[in-house]
Full PDB file with SEQRES, HELIX, SHEET, SSBOND, CRYST1, ORIGX, SCALE, CONECT and MASTER records, all heavy atoms in Angstrom:
SEQRES   1 A   35  LEU PRO TYR LYS PHE ILE ARG ASN ILE ASP GLU GLY GLY          
SEQRES   2 A   35  HIS THR LYS ASP LEU GLU ILE ASP PHE ASP GLN LYS ASN          
SEQRES   3 A   35  HIS LYS ALA HIS ILE ASN ASP LYS LYS                          
SHEET    1 AA1 3 LYS A   4  GLU A  11  0                                        
SHEET    2 AA1 3 HIS A  14  ASP A  23 -1                                        
SHEET    3 AA1 3 LYS A  28  ASP A  33 -1                                        
CRYST1    1.000    1.000    1.000  90.00  90.00  90.00 P 1           1          
ORIGX1      1.000000  0.000000  0.000000        0.00000                         
ORIGX2      0.000000  1.000000  0.000000        0.00000                         
ORIGX3      0.000000  0.000000  1.000000        0.00000                         
SCALE1      1.000000  0.000000  0.000000        0.00000                         
SCALE2      0.000000  1.000000  0.000000        0.00000                         
SCALE3      0.000000  0.000000  1.000000        0.00000                         
ATOM      1  N   LEU A   1      71.686-129.203 212.564  1.00  0.00           N  
ATOM      2  CA  LEU A   1      71.005-127.845 212.531  1.00  0.00           C  
ATOM      3  C   LEU A   1      72.044-126.928 212.245  1.00  0.00           C  
ATOM      4  O   LEU A   1      73.109-126.820 212.811  1.00  0.00           O  
ATOM      5  CB  LEU A   1      70.358-127.460 213.727  1.00  0.00           C  
ATOM      6  CG  LEU A   1      69.097-128.311 214.090  1.00  0.00           C  
ATOM      7  CD1 LEU A   1      68.547-127.921 215.544  1.00  0.00           C  
ATOM      8  CD2 LEU A   1      67.936-128.225 213.071  1.00  0.00           C  
ATOM      9  N   PRO A   2      71.886-125.914 211.249  1.00  0.00           N  
ATOM     10  CA  PRO A   2      72.836-124.929 210.954  1.00  0.00           C  
ATOM     11  C   PRO A   2      73.018-123.773 211.774  1.00  0.00           C  
ATOM     12  O   PRO A   2      72.119-123.369 212.302  1.00  0.00           O  
ATOM     13  CB  PRO A   2      72.335-124.367 209.503  1.00  0.00           C  
ATOM     14  CG  PRO A   2      70.810-124.463 209.702  1.00  0.00           C  
ATOM     15  CD  PRO A   2      70.614-125.743 210.445  1.00  0.00           C  
ATOM     16  N   TYR A   3      74.309-123.343 211.879  1.00  0.00           N  
ATOM     17  CA  TYR A   3      74.727-122.114 212.721  1.00  0.00           C  
ATOM     18  C   TYR A   3      75.006-120.978 211.914  1.00  0.00           C  
ATOM     19  O   TYR A   3      74.817-119.875 212.219  1.00  0.00           O  
ATOM     20  CB  TYR A   3      75.938-122.452 213.548  1.00  0.00           C  
ATOM     21  CG  TYR A   3      75.697-123.556 214.611  1.00  0.00           C  
ATOM     22  CD1 TYR A   3      76.596-124.585 214.791  1.00  0.00           C  
ATOM     23  CD2 TYR A   3      74.588-123.485 215.527  1.00  0.00           C  
ATOM     24  CE1 TYR A   3      76.327-125.657 215.690  1.00  0.00           C  
ATOM     25  CE2 TYR A   3      74.417-124.365 216.554  1.00  0.00           C  
ATOM     26  CZ  TYR A   3      75.270-125.470 216.616  1.00  0.00           C  
ATOM     27  OH  TYR A   3      75.075-126.373 217.459  1.00  0.00           O  
ATOM     28  N   LYS A   4      75.528-121.238 210.646  1.00  0.00           N  
ATOM     29  CA  LYS A   4      75.899-120.306 209.712  1.00  0.00           C  
ATOM     30  C   LYS A   4      75.742-120.682 208.287  1.00  0.00           C  
ATOM     31  O   LYS A   4      75.932-121.821 207.935  1.00  0.00           O  
ATOM     32  CB  LYS A   4      77.405-119.770 210.016  1.00  0.00           C  
ATOM     33  CG  LYS A   4      77.836-118.680 209.105  1.00  0.00           C  
ATOM     34  CD  LYS A   4      79.367-118.413 209.350  1.00  0.00           C  
ATOM     35  CE  LYS A   4      79.580-117.721 210.689  1.00  0.00           C  
ATOM     36  NZ  LYS A   4      79.115-116.350 210.624  1.00  0.00           N  
ATOM     37  N   PHE A   5      75.258-119.695 207.462  1.00  0.00           N  
ATOM     38  CA  PHE A   5      75.105-119.911 206.039  1.00  0.00           C  
ATOM     39  C   PHE A   5      75.670-118.651 205.202  1.00  0.00           C  
ATOM     40  O   PHE A   5      75.435-117.601 205.631  1.00  0.00           O  
ATOM     41  CB  PHE A   5      73.660-120.137 205.735  1.00  0.00           C  
ATOM     42  CG  PHE A   5      73.283-120.240 204.173  1.00  0.00           C  
ATOM     43  CD1 PHE A   5      73.695-121.496 203.573  1.00  0.00           C  
ATOM     44  CD2 PHE A   5      72.671-119.236 203.521  1.00  0.00           C  
ATOM     45  CE1 PHE A   5      73.478-121.517 202.204  1.00  0.00           C  
ATOM     46  CE2 PHE A   5      72.458-119.245 202.161  1.00  0.00           C  
ATOM     47  CZ  PHE A   5      72.754-120.541 201.552  1.00  0.00           C  
ATOM     48  N   ILE A   6      76.493-118.981 204.178  1.00  0.00           N  
ATOM     49  CA  ILE A   6      77.071-118.038 203.387  1.00  0.00           C  
ATOM     50  C   ILE A   6      76.636-118.220 201.958  1.00  0.00           C  
ATOM     51  O   ILE A   6      76.676-119.315 201.398  1.00  0.00           O  
ATOM     52  CB  ILE A   6      78.495-118.070 203.450  1.00  0.00           C  
ATOM     53  CG1 ILE A   6      79.080-117.826 204.913  1.00  0.00           C  
ATOM     54  CG2 ILE A   6      79.253-117.089 202.582  1.00  0.00           C  
ATOM     55  CD1 ILE A   6      80.433-117.972 205.220  1.00  0.00           C  
ATOM     56  N   ARG A   7      76.250-117.143 201.216  1.00  0.00           N  
ATOM     57  CA  ARG A   7      75.808-117.253 199.935  1.00  0.00           C  
ATOM     58  C   ARG A   7      76.632-115.973 199.145  1.00  0.00           C  
ATOM     59  O   ARG A   7      76.276-114.814 199.375  1.00  0.00           O  
ATOM     60  CB  ARG A   7      74.367-117.051 199.612  1.00  0.00           C  
ATOM     61  CG  ARG A   7      74.065-117.097 198.238  1.00  0.00           C  
ATOM     62  CD  ARG A   7      72.528-116.941 198.009  1.00  0.00           C  
ATOM     63  NE  ARG A   7      72.023-117.130 196.673  1.00  0.00           N  
ATOM     64  CZ  ARG A   7      70.957-116.544 196.088  1.00  0.00           C  
ATOM     65  NH1 ARG A   7      70.176-115.802 196.816  1.00  0.00           N  
ATOM     66  NH2 ARG A   7      70.794-116.649 194.724  1.00  0.00           N  
ATOM     67  N   ASN A   8      77.643-116.448 198.296  1.00  0.00           N  
ATOM     68  CA  ASN A   8      78.390-115.354 197.546  1.00  0.00           C  
ATOM     69  C   ASN A   8      78.309-115.824 196.139  1.00  0.00           C  
ATOM     70  O   ASN A   8      78.956-116.675 195.679  1.00  0.00           O  
ATOM     71  CB  ASN A   8      79.820-115.332 198.036  1.00  0.00           C  
ATOM     72  CG  ASN A   8      80.645-114.157 197.523  1.00  0.00           C  
ATOM     73  OD1 ASN A   8      80.394-113.749 196.474  1.00  0.00           O  
ATOM     74  ND2 ASN A   8      81.484-113.781 198.385  1.00  0.00           N  
ATOM     75  N   ILE A   9      77.525-115.015 195.313  1.00  0.00           N  
ATOM     76  CA  ILE A   9      77.221-115.380 193.880  1.00  0.00           C  
ATOM     77  C   ILE A   9      77.465-114.288 192.861  1.00  0.00           C  
ATOM     78  O   ILE A   9      77.433-113.172 193.218  1.00  0.00           O  
ATOM     79  CB  ILE A   9      75.817-115.976 193.761  1.00  0.00           C  
ATOM     80  CG1 ILE A   9      74.786-114.814 193.939  1.00  0.00           C  
ATOM     81  CG2 ILE A   9      75.611-117.080 194.791  1.00  0.00           C  
ATOM     82  CD1 ILE A   9      73.438-115.088 193.569  1.00  0.00           C  
ATOM     83  N   ASP A  10      77.871-114.757 191.652  1.00  0.00           N  
ATOM     84  CA  ASP A  10      77.881-113.719 190.523  1.00  0.00           C  
ATOM     85  C   ASP A  10      77.315-114.520 189.349  1.00  0.00           C  
ATOM     86  O   ASP A  10      77.871-115.469 188.892  1.00  0.00           O  
ATOM     87  CB  ASP A  10      79.223-113.267 190.268  1.00  0.00           C  
ATOM     88  CG  ASP A  10      79.375-112.271 189.169  1.00  0.00           C  
ATOM     89  OD1 ASP A  10      78.356-112.171 188.344  1.00  0.00           O  
ATOM     90  OD2 ASP A  10      80.275-111.597 189.049  1.00  0.00           O  
ATOM     91  N   GLU A  11      76.034-114.152 189.016  1.00  0.00           N  
ATOM     92  CA  GLU A  11      75.329-114.864 187.909  1.00  0.00           C  
ATOM     93  C   GLU A  11      74.955-113.914 186.841  1.00  0.00           C  
ATOM     94  O   GLU A  11      74.098-113.169 186.805  1.00  0.00           O  
ATOM     95  CB  GLU A  11      74.162-115.638 188.484  1.00  0.00           C  
ATOM     96  CG  GLU A  11      74.425-116.669 189.717  1.00  0.00           C  
ATOM     97  CD  GLU A  11      73.172-117.173 190.317  1.00  0.00           C  
ATOM     98  OE1 GLU A  11      72.075-116.611 189.975  1.00  0.00           O  
ATOM     99  OE2 GLU A  11      73.273-118.115 190.956  1.00  0.00           O  
ATOM    100  N   GLY A  12      75.894-113.812 185.977  1.00  0.00           N  
ATOM    101  CA  GLY A  12      75.709-112.912 184.724  1.00  0.00           C  
ATOM    102  C   GLY A  12      75.661-111.523 185.181  1.00  0.00           C  
ATOM    103  O   GLY A  12      74.938-110.637 184.636  1.00  0.00           O  
ATOM    104  N   GLY A  13      76.470-111.193 186.177  1.00  0.00           N  
ATOM    105  CA  GLY A  13      76.502-109.809 186.774  1.00  0.00           C  
ATOM    106  C   GLY A  13      75.508-109.550 187.883  1.00  0.00           C  
ATOM    107  O   GLY A  13      75.670-108.493 188.521  1.00  0.00           O  
ATOM    108  N   HIS A  14      74.653-110.492 188.049  1.00  0.00           N  
ATOM    109  CA  HIS A  14      73.664-110.291 189.319  1.00  0.00           C  
ATOM    110  C   HIS A  14      74.497-111.103 190.441  1.00  0.00           C  
ATOM    111  O   HIS A  14      74.761-112.179 190.450  1.00  0.00           O  
ATOM    112  CB  HIS A  14      72.399-111.214 189.010  1.00  0.00           C  
ATOM    113  CG  HIS A  14      71.627-111.295 190.197  1.00  0.00           C  
ATOM    114  ND1 HIS A  14      70.947-110.186 190.874  1.00  0.00           N  
ATOM    115  CD2 HIS A  14      71.254-112.384 191.176  1.00  0.00           C  
ATOM    116  CE1 HIS A  14      70.220-110.742 191.969  1.00  0.00           C  
ATOM    117  NE2 HIS A  14      70.458-111.954 192.079  1.00  0.00           N  
ATOM    118  N   THR A  15      74.840-110.093 191.486  1.00  0.00           N  
ATOM    119  CA  THR A  15      75.614-110.579 192.525  1.00  0.00           C  
ATOM    120  C   THR A  15      74.876-110.479 193.924  1.00  0.00           C  
ATOM    121  O   THR A  15      73.962-109.718 194.182  1.00  0.00           O  
ATOM    122  CB  THR A  15      76.862-109.674 192.597  1.00  0.00           C  
ATOM    123  OG1 THR A  15      76.537-108.400 192.921  1.00  0.00           O  
ATOM    124  CG2 THR A  15      77.811-109.781 191.322  1.00  0.00           C  
ATOM    125  N   LYS A  16      75.265-111.380 194.847  1.00  0.00           N  
ATOM    126  CA  LYS A  16      74.814-111.397 196.225  1.00  0.00           C  
ATOM    127  C   LYS A  16      75.981-111.782 197.163  1.00  0.00           C  
ATOM    128  O   LYS A  16      76.826-112.603 196.784  1.00  0.00           O  
ATOM    129  CB  LYS A  16      73.615-112.277 196.404  1.00  0.00           C  
ATOM    130  CG  LYS A  16      72.367-111.666 195.866  1.00  0.00           C  
ATOM    131  CD  LYS A  16      71.105-112.317 196.584  1.00  0.00           C  
ATOM    132  CE  LYS A  16      69.903-111.707 195.965  1.00  0.00           C  
ATOM    133  NZ  LYS A  16      68.652-112.270 196.674  1.00  0.00           N  
ATOM    134  N   ASP A  17      76.053-111.260 198.296  1.00  0.00           N  
ATOM    135  CA  ASP A  17      77.025-111.496 199.303  1.00  0.00           C  
ATOM    136  C   ASP A  17      76.374-111.511 200.640  1.00  0.00           C  
ATOM    137  O   ASP A  17      76.337-110.477 201.283  1.00  0.00           O  
ATOM    138  CB  ASP A  17      78.147-110.597 199.248  1.00  0.00           C  
ATOM    139  CG  ASP A  17      79.432-110.964 200.039  1.00  0.00           C  
ATOM    140  OD1 ASP A  17      79.315-112.092 200.778  1.00  0.00           O  
ATOM    141  OD2 ASP A  17      80.452-110.315 200.153  1.00  0.00           O  
ATOM    142  N   LEU A  18      75.827-112.746 201.022  1.00  0.00           N  
ATOM    143  CA  LEU A  18      75.065-112.788 202.373  1.00  0.00           C  
ATOM    144  C   LEU A  18      75.676-113.706 203.365  1.00  0.00           C  
ATOM    145  O   LEU A  18      76.228-114.726 202.923  1.00  0.00           O  
ATOM    146  CB  LEU A  18      73.752-113.306 202.027  1.00  0.00           C  
ATOM    147  CG  LEU A  18      72.777-112.407 201.130  1.00  0.00           C  
ATOM    148  CD1 LEU A  18      71.410-113.236 200.883  1.00  0.00           C  
ATOM    149  CD2 LEU A  18      72.459-111.118 201.845  1.00  0.00           C  
ATOM    150  N   GLU A  19      75.700-113.281 204.638  1.00  0.00           N  
ATOM    151  CA  GLU A  19      76.093-114.197 205.692  1.00  0.00           C  
ATOM    152  C   GLU A  19      74.973-114.203 206.722  1.00  0.00           C  
ATOM    153  O   GLU A  19      74.626-113.193 207.243  1.00  0.00           O  
ATOM    154  CB  GLU A  19      77.409-113.803 206.401  1.00  0.00           C  
ATOM    155  CG  GLU A  19      77.965-114.601 207.295  1.00  0.00           C  
ATOM    156  CD  GLU A  19      79.418-114.197 207.734  1.00  0.00           C  
ATOM    157  OE1 GLU A  19      80.371-114.006 206.914  1.00  0.00           O  
ATOM    158  OE2 GLU A  19      79.651-113.933 208.940  1.00  0.00           O  
ATOM    159  N   ILE A  20      74.508-115.328 206.979  1.00  0.00           N  
ATOM    160  CA  ILE A  20      73.364-115.531 207.886  1.00  0.00           C  
ATOM    161  C   ILE A  20      73.850-116.478 209.124  1.00  0.00           C  
ATOM    162  O   ILE A  20      74.318-117.444 208.995  1.00  0.00           O  
ATOM    163  CB  ILE A  20      72.216-116.387 207.246  1.00  0.00           C  
ATOM    164  CG1 ILE A  20      71.764-115.436 205.986  1.00  0.00           C  
ATOM    165  CG2 ILE A  20      71.047-116.381 208.096  1.00  0.00           C  
ATOM    166  CD1 ILE A  20      70.674-116.102 205.205  1.00  0.00           C  
ATOM    167  N   ASP A  21      73.584-115.999 210.338  1.00  0.00           N  
ATOM    168  CA  ASP A  21      73.928-116.696 211.669  1.00  0.00           C  
ATOM    169  C   ASP A  21      72.560-116.966 212.112  1.00  0.00           C  
ATOM    170  O   ASP A  21      71.715-116.070 212.435  1.00  0.00           O  
ATOM    171  CB  ASP A  21      74.647-115.686 212.489  1.00  0.00           C  
ATOM    172  CG  ASP A  21      76.055-115.501 212.114  1.00  0.00           C  
ATOM    173  OD1 ASP A  21      76.841-116.534 212.087  1.00  0.00           O  
ATOM    174  OD2 ASP A  21      76.390-114.442 211.726  1.00  0.00           O  
ATOM    175  N   PHE A  22      72.362-118.321 212.494  1.00  0.00           N  
ATOM    176  CA  PHE A  22      71.109-118.808 213.019  1.00  0.00           C  
ATOM    177  C   PHE A  22      71.177-118.977 214.435  1.00  0.00           C  
ATOM    178  O   PHE A  22      72.091-119.617 215.033  1.00  0.00           O  
ATOM    179  CB  PHE A  22      70.703-120.179 212.357  1.00  0.00           C  
ATOM    180  CG  PHE A  22      70.401-120.096 210.823  1.00  0.00           C  
ATOM    181  CD1 PHE A  22      71.299-120.483 209.839  1.00  0.00           C  
ATOM    182  CD2 PHE A  22      69.160-119.691 210.482  1.00  0.00           C  
ATOM    183  CE1 PHE A  22      71.042-120.333 208.552  1.00  0.00           C  
ATOM    184  CE2 PHE A  22      68.840-119.588 209.048  1.00  0.00           C  
ATOM    185  CZ  PHE A  22      69.860-119.945 208.099  1.00  0.00           C  
ATOM    186  N   ASP A  23      70.153-118.383 215.075  1.00  0.00           N  
ATOM    187  CA  ASP A  23      69.984-118.548 216.480  1.00  0.00           C  
ATOM    188  C   ASP A  23      68.900-119.588 216.663  1.00  0.00           C  
ATOM    189  O   ASP A  23      67.586-119.271 216.678  1.00  0.00           O  
ATOM    190  CB  ASP A  23      69.603-117.246 217.157  1.00  0.00           C  
ATOM    191  CG  ASP A  23      69.282-117.395 218.765  1.00  0.00           C  
ATOM    192  OD1 ASP A  23      69.309-118.491 219.217  1.00  0.00           O  
ATOM    193  OD2 ASP A  23      69.216-116.246 219.391  1.00  0.00           O  
ATOM    194  N   GLN A  24      69.240-120.897 216.732  1.00  0.00           N  
ATOM    195  CA  GLN A  24      68.255-121.938 216.715  1.00  0.00           C  
ATOM    196  C   GLN A  24      67.433-121.974 218.186  1.00  0.00           C  
ATOM    197  O   GLN A  24      66.175-122.388 218.042  1.00  0.00           O  
ATOM    198  CB  GLN A  24      69.064-123.266 216.678  1.00  0.00           C  
ATOM    199  CG  GLN A  24      69.670-123.538 215.359  1.00  0.00           C  
ATOM    200  CD  GLN A  24      68.679-123.843 214.222  1.00  0.00           C  
ATOM    201  OE1 GLN A  24      67.462-123.954 214.369  1.00  0.00           O  
ATOM    202  NE2 GLN A  24      69.245-123.826 212.977  1.00  0.00           N  
ATOM    203  N   LYS A  25      67.924-121.453 219.171  1.00  0.00           N  
ATOM    204  CA  LYS A  25      67.296-121.362 220.452  1.00  0.00           C  
ATOM    205  C   LYS A  25      66.093-120.423 220.324  1.00  0.00           C  
ATOM    206  O   LYS A  25      65.012-120.702 220.840  1.00  0.00           O  
ATOM    207  CB  LYS A  25      68.199-121.132 221.599  1.00  0.00           C  
ATOM    208  CG  LYS A  25      67.491-121.100 222.882  1.00  0.00           C  
ATOM    209  CD  LYS A  25      68.454-120.821 224.060  1.00  0.00           C  
ATOM    210  CE  LYS A  25      67.823-120.834 225.431  1.00  0.00           C  
ATOM    211  NZ  LYS A  25      68.814-120.368 226.511  1.00  0.00           N  
ATOM    212  N   ASN A  26      66.319-119.169 219.842  1.00  0.00           N  
ATOM    213  CA  ASN A  26      65.389-118.189 219.817  1.00  0.00           C  
ATOM    214  C   ASN A  26      64.641-117.951 218.543  1.00  0.00           C  
ATOM    215  O   ASN A  26      63.964-117.046 218.272  1.00  0.00           O  
ATOM    216  CB  ASN A  26      66.035-116.834 220.237  1.00  0.00           C  
ATOM    217  CG  ASN A  26      66.522-116.911 221.593  1.00  0.00           C  
ATOM    218  OD1 ASN A  26      65.802-117.195 222.577  1.00  0.00           O  
ATOM    219  ND2 ASN A  26      67.874-116.633 221.786  1.00  0.00           N  
ATOM    220  N   HIS A  27      64.982-118.953 217.540  1.00  0.00           N  
ATOM    221  CA  HIS A  27      64.278-118.853 216.305  1.00  0.00           C  
ATOM    222  C   HIS A  27      64.451-117.503 215.540  1.00  0.00           C  
ATOM    223  O   HIS A  27      63.529-116.939 215.057  1.00  0.00           O  
ATOM    224  CB  HIS A  27      62.803-119.256 216.397  1.00  0.00           C  
ATOM    225  CG  HIS A  27      62.549-120.450 217.345  1.00  0.00           C  
ATOM    226  ND1 HIS A  27      63.300-121.579 217.205  1.00  0.00           N  
ATOM    227  CD2 HIS A  27      61.573-120.551 218.246  1.00  0.00           C  
ATOM    228  CE1 HIS A  27      62.736-122.427 218.174  1.00  0.00           C  
ATOM    229  NE2 HIS A  27      61.766-121.766 218.757  1.00  0.00           N  
ATOM    230  N   LYS A  28      65.784-117.148 215.286  1.00  0.00           N  
ATOM    231  CA  LYS A  28      66.038-115.911 214.606  1.00  0.00           C  
ATOM    232  C   LYS A  28      67.148-116.219 213.554  1.00  0.00           C  
ATOM    233  O   LYS A  28      68.122-116.983 213.776  1.00  0.00           O  
ATOM    234  CB  LYS A  28      66.561-114.926 215.665  1.00  0.00           C  
ATOM    235  CG  LYS A  28      65.660-114.550 216.767  1.00  0.00           C  
ATOM    236  CD  LYS A  28      64.542-113.798 216.337  1.00  0.00           C  
ATOM    237  CE  LYS A  28      63.656-113.367 217.463  1.00  0.00           C  
ATOM    238  NZ  LYS A  28      62.360-112.594 217.101  1.00  0.00           N  
ATOM    239  N   ALA A  29      67.133-115.455 212.522  1.00  0.00           N  
ATOM    240  CA  ALA A  29      68.212-115.449 211.527  1.00  0.00           C  
ATOM    241  C   ALA A  29      68.876-114.090 211.462  1.00  0.00           C  
ATOM    242  O   ALA A  29      68.028-113.096 211.155  1.00  0.00           O  
ATOM    243  CB  ALA A  29      67.629-115.889 210.130  1.00  0.00           C  
ATOM    244  N   HIS A  30      70.067-113.970 211.761  1.00  0.00           N  
ATOM    245  CA  HIS A  30      70.797-112.532 211.683  1.00  0.00           C  
ATOM    246  C   HIS A  30      71.463-112.488 210.369  1.00  0.00           C  
ATOM    247  O   HIS A  30      72.454-113.210 210.093  1.00  0.00           O  
ATOM    248  CB  HIS A  30      71.746-112.500 212.941  1.00  0.00           C  
ATOM    249  CG  HIS A  30      71.184-112.565 214.259  1.00  0.00           C  
ATOM    250  ND1 HIS A  30      70.952-111.449 214.977  1.00  0.00           N  
ATOM    251  CD2 HIS A  30      70.755-113.671 215.061  1.00  0.00           C  
ATOM    252  CE1 HIS A  30      70.341-111.819 216.162  1.00  0.00           C  
ATOM    253  NE2 HIS A  30      70.159-113.142 216.195  1.00  0.00           N  
ATOM    254  N   ILE A  31      70.942-111.603 209.571  1.00  0.00           N  
ATOM    255  CA  ILE A  31      71.412-111.561 208.200  1.00  0.00           C  
ATOM    256  C   ILE A  31      72.277-110.361 207.946  1.00  0.00           C  
ATOM    257  O   ILE A  31      71.850-109.204 208.358  1.00  0.00           O  
ATOM    258  CB  ILE A  31      70.212-111.370 207.155  1.00  0.00           C  
ATOM    259  CG1 ILE A  31      69.213-112.648 207.370  1.00  0.00           C  
ATOM    260  CG2 ILE A  31      70.613-111.367 205.720  1.00  0.00           C  
ATOM    261  CD1 ILE A  31      67.868-112.528 206.817  1.00  0.00           C  
ATOM    262  N   ASN A  32      73.432-110.675 207.380  1.00  0.00           N  
ATOM    263  CA  ASN A  32      74.437-109.583 207.120  1.00  0.00           C  
ATOM    264  C   ASN A  32      74.572-109.481 205.595  1.00  0.00           C  
ATOM    265  O   ASN A  32      75.210-110.396 204.898  1.00  0.00           O  
ATOM    266  CB  ASN A  32      75.757-109.737 207.684  1.00  0.00           C  
ATOM    267  CG  ASN A  32      76.854-108.713 207.436  1.00  0.00           C  
ATOM    268  OD1 ASN A  32      76.458-107.723 206.864  1.00  0.00           O  
ATOM    269  ND2 ASN A  32      78.052-108.960 207.883  1.00  0.00           N  
ATOM    270  N   ASP A  33      73.908-108.493 204.952  1.00  0.00           N  
ATOM    271  CA  ASP A  33      73.887-108.194 203.467  1.00  0.00           C  
ATOM    272  C   ASP A  33      75.207-107.372 203.157  1.00  0.00           C  
ATOM    273  O   ASP A  33      75.083-106.135 203.317  1.00  0.00           O  
ATOM    274  CB  ASP A  33      72.671-107.569 203.046  1.00  0.00           C  
ATOM    275  CG  ASP A  33      72.622-107.421 201.467  1.00  0.00           C  
ATOM    276  OD1 ASP A  33      73.722-107.493 200.847  1.00  0.00           O  
ATOM    277  OD2 ASP A  33      71.502-107.260 200.976  1.00  0.00           O  
ATOM    278  N   LYS A  34      76.298-107.971 202.877  1.00  0.00           N  
ATOM    279  CA  LYS A  34      77.506-107.274 202.728  1.00  0.00           C  
ATOM    280  C   LYS A  34      77.552-106.494 201.544  1.00  0.00           C  
ATOM    281  O   LYS A  34      78.112-105.368 201.508  1.00  0.00           O  
ATOM    282  CB  LYS A  34      78.713-108.326 202.742  1.00  0.00           C  
ATOM    283  CG  LYS A  34      78.875-108.994 204.015  1.00  0.00           C  
ATOM    284  CD  LYS A  34      80.058-110.015 203.929  1.00  0.00           C  
ATOM    285  CE  LYS A  34      80.317-110.836 205.198  1.00  0.00           C  
ATOM    286  NZ  LYS A  34      81.446-111.757 205.105  1.00  0.00           N  
ATOM    287  N   LYS A  35      76.797-106.718 200.554  1.00  0.00           N  
ATOM    288  CA  LYS A  35      76.801-106.021 199.339  1.00  0.00           C  
ATOM    289  C   LYS A  35      76.159-104.652 199.512  1.00  0.00           C  
ATOM    290  O   LYS A  35      76.560-103.582 199.018  1.00  0.00           O  
ATOM    291  CB  LYS A  35      76.046-106.847 198.097  1.00  0.00           C  
ATOM    292  CG  LYS A  35      75.888-105.992 196.930  1.00  0.00           C  
ATOM    293  CD  LYS A  35      75.135-106.740 195.844  1.00  0.00           C  
ATOM    294  CE  LYS A  35      74.920-105.970 194.596  1.00  0.00           C  
ATOM    295  NZ  LYS A  35      74.020-106.649 193.596  1.00  0.00           N  
TER     296      LYS A  35                                                      
MASTER        0    0    0    0    3    0    0    6  295    1    0    3          
END                                                                             
């Protein structure tokens, strides 16, 4: 089961910089949209 997920992309100028921390016990995703 995942604890952390990172997505850092640049696709033809379309960019995203996300970091997600999963709270598996309480069923929550804490999303940090750095962009």
